[in-house]
Amino acid sequence: MLNIDTGEQIEALYRMVEIKGGKKEVKFQTTDINRALKYHKWYVARYKEGLLMEILPEKKVYNLKEKKIENTF
């Protein structure tokens, strides 16, 4: 995934979710967009219903106690 502000390449977490009864259930998550799309294609062929895709970009969080940078989604 390309960051628009800085122009650098960052990782993203692609999450396939199903919403039923107001509750969100994660069915599949990966950092590879091609695997996420293949899973969605398989899921639709098997269950005849679609899923929603969430794209969560990677964030850099500075830990003050340990004085290091951690990458989280």
PDB file of N, CA and C in Angstrom:
ATOM      1  N   MET A   1       0.855  -1.173   0.000  1.00  0.00           N
ATOM      2  CA  MET A   1       0.000   0.000   0.000  1.00  0.00           C
ATOM      3  C   MET A   1       0.898   1.231   0.000  1.00  0.00           C
ATOM      4  N   LEU A   2       0.541   2.233  -0.743  1.00  0.00           N
ATOM      5  CA  LEU A   2       1.329   3.451  -0.870  1.00  0.00           C
ATOM      6  C   LEU A   2       0.742   4.548   0.013  1.00  0.00           C
ATOM      7  N   ASN A   3       1.571   5.125   0.875  1.00  0.00           N
ATOM      8  CA  ASN A   3       1.145   6.221   1.743  1.00  0.00           C
ATOM      9  C   ASN A   3       1.085   7.499   0.912  1.00  0.00           C
ATOM     10  N   ILE A   4      -0.049   8.158   0.889  1.00  0.00           N
ATOM     11  CA  ILE A   4      -0.239   9.351   0.059  1.00  0.00           C
ATOM     12  C   ILE A   4       0.575  10.526   0.575  1.00  0.00           C
ATOM     13  N   ASP A   5       0.679  10.691   1.895  1.00  0.00           N
ATOM     14  CA  ASP A   5       1.376  11.834   2.470  1.00  0.00           C
ATOM     15  C   ASP A   5       2.879  11.780   2.224  1.00  0.00           C
ATOM     16  N   THR A   6       3.501  10.641   2.494  1.00  0.00           N
ATOM     17  CA  THR A   6       4.961  10.548   2.394  1.00  0.00           C
ATOM     18  C   THR A   6       5.428   9.907   1.104  1.00  0.00           C
ATOM     19  N   GLY A   7       4.583   9.156   0.426  1.00  0.00           N
ATOM     20  CA  GLY A   7       4.961   8.503  -0.813  1.00  0.00           C
ATOM     21  C   GLY A   7       5.745   7.215  -0.608  1.00  0.00           C
ATOM     22  N   GLU A   8       5.814   6.727   0.619  1.00  0.00           N
ATOM     23  CA  GLU A   8       6.557   5.494   0.890  1.00  0.00           C
ATOM     24  C   GLU A   8       5.623   4.291   0.900  1.00  0.00           C
ATOM     25  N   GLN A   9       6.198   3.127   0.660  1.00  0.00           N
ATOM     26  CA  GLN A   9       5.444   1.880   0.658  1.00  0.00           C
ATOM     27  C   GLN A   9       5.286   1.386   2.096  1.00  0.00           C
ATOM     28  N   ILE A  10       4.038   1.137   2.522  1.00  0.00           N
ATOM     29  CA  ILE A  10       3.784   0.634   3.870  1.00  0.00           C
ATOM     30  C   ILE A  10       2.965  -0.649   3.781  1.00  0.00           C
ATOM     31  N   GLU A  11       3.041  -1.457   4.815  1.00  0.00           N
ATOM     32  CA  GLU A  11       2.259  -2.679   4.891  1.00  0.00           C
ATOM     33  C   GLU A  11       0.820  -2.341   5.290  1.00  0.00           C
ATOM     34  N   ALA A  12      -0.081  -3.200   4.897  1.00  0.00           N
ATOM     35  CA  ALA A  12      -1.485  -3.039   5.272  1.00  0.00           C
ATOM     36  C   ALA A  12      -2.048  -4.406   5.610  1.00  0.00           C
ATOM     37  N   LEU A  13      -3.000  -4.435   6.519  1.00  0.00           N
ATOM     38  CA  LEU A  13      -3.678  -5.669   6.891  1.00  0.00           C
ATOM     39  C   LEU A  13      -5.038  -5.673   6.208  1.00  0.00           C
ATOM     40  N   TYR A  14      -5.277  -6.689   5.391  1.00  0.00           N
ATOM     41  CA  TYR A  14      -6.543  -6.827   4.684  1.00  0.00           C
ATOM     42  C   TYR A  14      -7.380  -7.828   5.468  1.00  0.00           C
ATOM     43  N   ARG A  15      -8.543  -7.399   5.923  1.00  0.00           N
ATOM     44  CA  ARG A  15      -9.380  -8.200   6.790  1.00  0.00           C
ATOM     45  C   ARG A  15     -10.749  -8.383   6.137  1.00  0.00           C
ATOM     46  N   MET A  16     -11.171  -9.639   5.992  1.00  0.00           N
ATOM     47  CA  MET A  16     -12.474  -9.958   5.436  1.00  0.00           C
ATOM     48  C   MET A  16     -13.432 -10.184   6.601  1.00  0.00           C
ATOM     49  N   VAL A  17     -14.521  -9.407   6.646  1.00  0.00           N
ATOM     50  CA  VAL A  17     -15.455  -9.463   7.761  1.00  0.00           C
ATOM     51  C   VAL A  17     -16.879  -9.722   7.289  1.00  0.00           C
ATOM     52  N   GLU A  18     -17.645 -10.351   8.175  1.00  0.00           N
ATOM     53  CA  GLU A  18     -19.057 -10.590   7.936  1.00  0.00           C
ATOM     54  C   GLU A  18     -19.832  -9.884   9.043  1.00  0.00           C
ATOM     55  N   ILE A  19     -20.876  -9.158   8.668  1.00  0.00           N
ATOM     56  CA  ILE A  19     -21.704  -8.457   9.648  1.00  0.00           C
ATOM     57  C   ILE A  19     -23.077  -9.107   9.655  1.00  0.00           C
ATOM     58  N   LYS A  20     -23.426  -9.658  10.818  1.00  0.00           N
ATOM     59  CA  LYS A  20     -24.744 -10.270  10.990  1.00  0.00           C
ATOM     60  C   LYS A  20     -25.274  -9.879  12.348  1.00  0.00           C
ATOM     61  N   GLY A  21     -26.480  -9.377  12.377  1.00  0.00           N
ATOM     62  CA  GLY A  21     -27.108  -9.005  13.636  1.00  0.00           C
ATOM     63  C   GLY A  21     -26.396  -7.880  14.361  1.00  0.00           C
ATOM     64  N   GLY A  22     -25.743  -7.012  13.623  1.00  0.00           N
ATOM     65  CA  GLY A  22     -25.038  -5.888  14.235  1.00  0.00           C
ATOM     66  C   GLY A  22     -23.685  -6.243  14.814  1.00  0.00           C
ATOM     67  N   LYS A  23     -23.237  -7.483  14.631  1.00  0.00           N
ATOM     68  CA  LYS A  23     -21.940  -7.906  15.143  1.00  0.00           C
ATOM     69  C   LYS A  23     -21.000  -8.173  13.979  1.00  0.00           C
ATOM     70  N   LYS A  24     -19.745  -7.785  14.147  1.00  0.00           N
ATOM     71  CA  LYS A  24     -18.736  -7.962  13.116  1.00  0.00           C
ATOM     72  C   LYS A  24     -17.880  -9.181  13.462  1.00  0.00           C
ATOM     73  N   GLU A  25     -17.799 -10.122  12.544  1.00  0.00           N
ATOM     74  CA  GLU A  25     -17.014 -11.331  12.754  1.00  0.00           C
ATOM     75  C   GLU A  25     -15.923 -11.403  11.686  1.00  0.00           C
ATOM     76  N   VAL A  26     -14.671 -11.497  12.123  1.00  0.00           N
ATOM     77  CA  VAL A  26     -13.537 -11.579  11.197  1.00  0.00           C
ATOM     78  C   VAL A  26     -13.454 -12.996  10.667  1.00  0.00           C
ATOM     79  N   LYS A  27     -13.512 -13.137   9.340  1.00  0.00           N
ATOM     80  CA  LYS A  27     -13.433 -14.440   8.699  1.00  0.00           C
ATOM     81  C   LYS A  27     -12.014 -14.764   8.246  1.00  0.00           C
ATOM     82  N   PHE A  28     -11.256 -13.753   7.808  1.00  0.00           N
ATOM     83  CA  PHE A  28      -9.935 -13.985   7.243  1.00  0.00           C
ATOM     84  C   PHE A  28      -9.154 -12.686   7.305  1.00  0.00           C
ATOM     85  N   GLN A  29      -7.842 -12.773   7.583  1.00  0.00           N
ATOM     86  CA  GLN A  29      -6.995 -11.582   7.538  1.00  0.00           C
ATOM     87  C   GLN A  29      -5.605 -11.957   7.061  1.00  0.00           C
ATOM     88  N   THR A  30      -5.012 -11.082   6.264  1.00  0.00           N
ATOM     89  CA  THR A  30      -3.697 -11.308   5.707  1.00  0.00           C
ATOM     90  C   THR A  30      -3.088  -9.964   5.308  1.00  0.00           C
ATOM     91  N   THR A  31      -1.797  -9.977   5.024  1.00  0.00           N
ATOM     92  CA  THR A  31      -1.140  -8.764   4.536  1.00  0.00           C
ATOM     93  C   THR A  31      -0.973  -8.795   3.018  1.00  0.00           C
ATOM     94  N   ASP A  32      -1.423  -9.862   2.380  1.00  0.00           N
ATOM     95  CA  ASP A  32      -1.307 -10.014   0.928  1.00  0.00           C
ATOM     96  C   ASP A  32      -2.681  -9.803   0.287  1.00  0.00           C
ATOM     97  N   ILE A  33      -2.777  -8.818  -0.589  1.00  0.00           N
ATOM     98  CA  ILE A  33      -4.054  -8.479  -1.225  1.00  0.00           C
ATOM     99  C   ILE A  33      -4.537  -9.603  -2.135  1.00  0.00           C
ATOM    100  N   ASN A  34      -3.627 -10.293  -2.811  1.00  0.00           N
ATOM    101  CA  ASN A  34      -4.030 -11.372  -3.710  1.00  0.00           C
ATOM    102  C   ASN A  34      -4.648 -12.539  -2.949  1.00  0.00           C
ATOM    103  N   ARG A  35      -4.096 -12.891  -1.790  1.00  0.00           N
ATOM    104  CA  ARG A  35      -4.682 -13.962  -0.976  1.00  0.00           C
ATOM    105  C   ARG A  35      -6.058 -13.566  -0.477  1.00  0.00           C
ATOM    106  N   ALA A  36      -6.234 -12.293  -0.111  1.00  0.00           N
ATOM    107  CA  ALA A  36      -7.533 -11.828   0.372  1.00  0.00           C
ATOM    108  C   ALA A  36      -8.589 -11.913  -0.737  1.00  0.00           C
ATOM    109  N   LEU A  37      -8.220 -11.533  -1.946  1.00  0.00           N
ATOM    110  CA  LEU A  37      -9.171 -11.592  -3.054  1.00  0.00           C
ATOM    111  C   LEU A  37      -9.498 -13.033  -3.448  1.00  0.00           C
ATOM    112  N   LYS A  38      -8.505 -13.929  -3.393  1.00  0.00           N
ATOM    113  CA  LYS A  38      -8.767 -15.335  -3.688  1.00  0.00           C
ATOM    114  C   LYS A  38      -9.686 -15.953  -2.635  1.00  0.00           C
ATOM    115  N   TYR A  39      -9.479 -15.589  -1.364  1.00  0.00           N
ATOM    116  CA  TYR A  39     -10.354 -16.092  -0.312  1.00  0.00           C
ATOM    117  C   TYR A  39     -11.784 -15.608  -0.530  1.00  0.00           C
ATOM    118  N   HIS A  40     -11.932 -14.340  -0.893  1.00  0.00           N
ATOM    119  CA  HIS A  40     -13.269 -13.799  -1.122  1.00  0.00           C
ATOM    120  C   HIS A  40     -13.950 -14.515  -2.284  1.00  0.00           C
ATOM    121  N   LYS A  41     -13.207 -14.781  -3.342  1.00  0.00           N
ATOM    122  CA  LYS A  41     -13.760 -15.488  -4.498  1.00  0.00           C
ATOM    123  C   LYS A  41     -14.212 -16.893  -4.095  1.00  0.00           C
ATOM    124  N   TRP A  42     -13.404 -17.596  -3.303  1.00  0.00           N
ATOM    125  CA  TRP A  42     -13.767 -18.924  -2.828  1.00  0.00           C
ATOM    126  C   TRP A  42     -14.996 -18.865  -1.921  1.00  0.00           C
ATOM    127  N   TYR A  43     -15.031 -17.890  -1.021  1.00  0.00           N
ATOM    128  CA  TYR A  43     -16.130 -17.759  -0.064  1.00  0.00           C
ATOM    129  C   TYR A  43     -17.458 -17.505  -0.791  1.00  0.00           C
ATOM    130  N   VAL A  44     -17.436 -16.636  -1.787  1.00  0.00           N
ATOM    131  CA  VAL A  44     -18.659 -16.322  -2.547  1.00  0.00           C
ATOM    132  C   VAL A  44     -19.131 -17.546  -3.318  1.00  0.00           C
ATOM    133  N   ALA A  45     -18.194 -18.296  -3.909  1.00  0.00           N
ATOM    134  CA  ALA A  45     -18.581 -19.491  -4.659  1.00  0.00           C
ATOM    135  C   ALA A  45     -19.172 -20.555  -3.740  1.00  0.00           C
ATOM    136  N   ARG A  46     -18.669 -20.644  -2.532  1.00  0.00           N
ATOM    137  CA  ARG A  46     -19.139 -21.684  -1.608  1.00  0.00           C
ATOM    138  C   ARG A  46     -20.439 -21.304  -0.896  1.00  0.00           C
ATOM    139  N   TYR A  47     -20.518 -20.086  -0.369  1.00  0.00           N
ATOM    140  CA  TYR A  47     -21.649 -19.692   0.475  1.00  0.00           C
ATOM    141  C   TYR A  47     -22.662 -18.776  -0.212  1.00  0.00           C
ATOM    142  N   LYS A  48     -22.381 -18.328  -1.412  1.00  0.00           N
ATOM    143  CA  LYS A  48     -23.299 -17.478  -2.187  1.00  0.00           C
ATOM    144  C   LYS A  48     -23.629 -16.167  -1.480  1.00  0.00           C
ATOM    145  N   GLU A  49     -22.679 -15.633  -0.726  1.00  0.00           N
ATOM    146  CA  GLU A  49     -22.831 -14.312  -0.104  1.00  0.00           C
ATOM    147  C   GLU A  49     -21.448 -13.684   0.002  1.00  0.00           C
ATOM    148  N   GLY A  50     -21.417 -12.361   0.010  1.00  0.00           N
ATOM    149  CA  GLY A  50     -20.150 -11.646   0.019  1.00  0.00           C
ATOM    150  C   GLY A  50     -19.699 -11.237   1.402  1.00  0.00           C
ATOM    151  N   LEU A  51     -18.466 -10.764   1.468  1.00  0.00           N
ATOM    152  CA  LEU A  51     -17.870 -10.258   2.698  1.00  0.00           C
ATOM    153  C   LEU A  51     -17.412  -8.824   2.472  1.00  0.00           C
ATOM    154  N   LEU A  52     -17.214  -8.101   3.550  1.00  0.00           N
ATOM    155  CA  LEU A  52     -16.664  -6.752   3.474  1.00  0.00           C
ATOM    156  C   LEU A  52     -15.155  -6.813   3.704  1.00  0.00           C
ATOM    157  N   MET A  53     -14.413  -5.941   3.043  1.00  0.00           N
ATOM    158  CA  MET A  53     -12.971  -5.897   3.230  1.00  0.00           C
ATOM    159  C   MET A  53     -12.588  -4.625   3.973  1.00  0.00           C
ATOM    160  N   GLU A  54     -11.867  -4.792   5.078  1.00  0.00           N
ATOM    161  CA  GLU A  54     -11.301  -3.658   5.805  1.00  0.00           C
ATOM    162  C   GLU A  54      -9.823  -3.593   5.470  1.00  0.00           C
ATOM    163  N   ILE A  55      -9.325  -2.391   5.229  1.00  0.00           N
ATOM    164  CA  ILE A  55      -7.901  -2.198   4.965  1.00  0.00           C
ATOM    165  C   ILE A  55      -7.341  -1.351   6.091  1.00  0.00           C
ATOM    166  N   LEU A  56      -6.466  -1.948   6.903  1.00  0.00           N
ATOM    167  CA  LEU A  56      -5.878  -1.275   8.051  1.00  0.00           C
ATOM    168  C   LEU A  56      -4.400  -0.995   7.774  1.00  0.00           C
ATOM    169  N   PRO A  57      -4.013   0.269   7.638  1.00  0.00           N
ATOM    170  CA  PRO A  57      -2.594   0.570   7.379  1.00  0.00           C
ATOM    171  C   PRO A  57      -1.745   0.363   8.632  1.00  0.00           C
ATOM    172  N   GLU A  58      -0.471   0.110   8.404  1.00  0.00           N
ATOM    173  CA  GLU A  58       0.464  -0.100   9.500  1.00  0.00           C
ATOM    174  C   GLU A  58       0.800   1.235  10.157  1.00  0.00           C
ATOM    175  N   LYS A  59       0.838   1.251  11.490  1.00  0.00           N
ATOM    176  CA  LYS A  59       1.157   2.463  12.241  1.00  0.00           C
ATOM    177  C   LYS A  59       2.447   2.249  13.005  1.00  0.00           C
ATOM    178  N   LYS A  60       3.227   3.286  13.151  1.00  0.00           N
ATOM    179  CA  LYS A  60       4.436   3.228  13.955  1.00  0.00           C
ATOM    180  C   LYS A  60       4.137   3.866  15.307  1.00  0.00           C
ATOM    181  N   VAL A  61       4.325   3.093  16.380  1.00  0.00           N
ATOM    182  CA  VAL A  61       4.033   3.550  17.728  1.00  0.00           C
ATOM    183  C   VAL A  61       5.336   3.555  18.517  1.00  0.00           C
ATOM    184  N   TYR A  62       5.639   4.682  19.158  1.00  0.00           N
ATOM    185  CA  TYR A  62       6.859   4.796  19.953  1.00  0.00           C
ATOM    186  C   TYR A  62       6.559   4.406  21.394  1.00  0.00           C
ATOM    187  N   ASN A  63       7.290   3.406  21.910  1.00  0.00           N
ATOM    188  CA  ASN A  63       7.131   2.929  23.279  1.00  0.00           C
ATOM    189  C   ASN A  63       8.111   3.701  24.163  1.00  0.00           C
ATOM    190  N   LEU A  64       7.596   4.519  25.078  1.00  0.00           N
ATOM    191  CA  LEU A  64       8.447   5.364  25.911  1.00  0.00           C
ATOM    192  C   LEU A  64       9.250   4.567  26.931  1.00  0.00           C
ATOM    193  N   LYS A  65       8.664   3.524  27.495  1.00  0.00           N
ATOM    194  CA  LYS A  65       9.369   2.739  28.509  1.00  0.00           C
ATOM    195  C   LYS A  65      10.571   2.008  27.921  1.00  0.00           C
ATOM    196  N   GLU A  66      10.368   1.340  26.813  1.00  0.00           N
ATOM    197  CA  GLU A  66      11.431   0.557  26.204  1.00  0.00           C
ATOM    198  C   GLU A  66      12.238   1.342  25.177  1.00  0.00           C
ATOM    199  N   LYS A  67      11.787   2.536  24.855  1.00  0.00           N
ATOM    200  CA  LYS A  67      12.449   3.435  23.903  1.00  0.00           C
ATOM    201  C   LYS A  67      12.721   2.770  22.558  1.00  0.00           C
ATOM    202  N   LYS A  68      11.660   2.220  21.983  1.00  0.00           N
ATOM    203  CA  LYS A  68      11.778   1.632  20.663  1.00  0.00           C
ATOM    204  C   LYS A  68      10.468   1.836  19.886  1.00  0.00           C
ATOM    205  N   ILE A  69      10.546   1.690  18.595  1.00  0.00           N
ATOM    206  CA  ILE A  69       9.390   1.880  17.713  1.00  0.00           C
ATOM    207  C   ILE A  69       8.792   0.522  17.391  1.00  0.00           C
ATOM    208  N   GLU A  70       7.480   0.401  17.570  1.00  0.00           N
ATOM    209  CA  GLU A  70       6.751  -0.827  17.260  1.00  0.00           C
ATOM    210  C   GLU A  70       5.786  -0.566  16.114  1.00  0.00           C
ATOM    211  N   ASN A  71       5.651  -1.528  15.234  1.00  0.00           N
ATOM    212  CA  ASN A  71       4.721  -1.422  14.116  1.00  0.00           C
ATOM    213  C   ASN A  71       3.474  -2.216  14.446  1.00  0.00           C
ATOM    214  N   THR A  72       2.299  -1.560  14.393  1.00  0.00           N
ATOM    215  CA  THR A  72       1.028  -2.221  14.654  1.00  0.00           C
ATOM    216  C   THR A  72       0.038  -1.867  13.559  1.00  0.00           C
ATOM    217  N   PHE A  73      -1.018  -2.635  13.475  1.00  0.00           N
ATOM    218  CA  PHE A  73      -2.078  -2.358  12.485  1.00  0.00           C
ATOM    219  C   PHE A  73      -3.251  -1.727  13.170  1.00  0.00           C
TER     220      PHE A  73
END
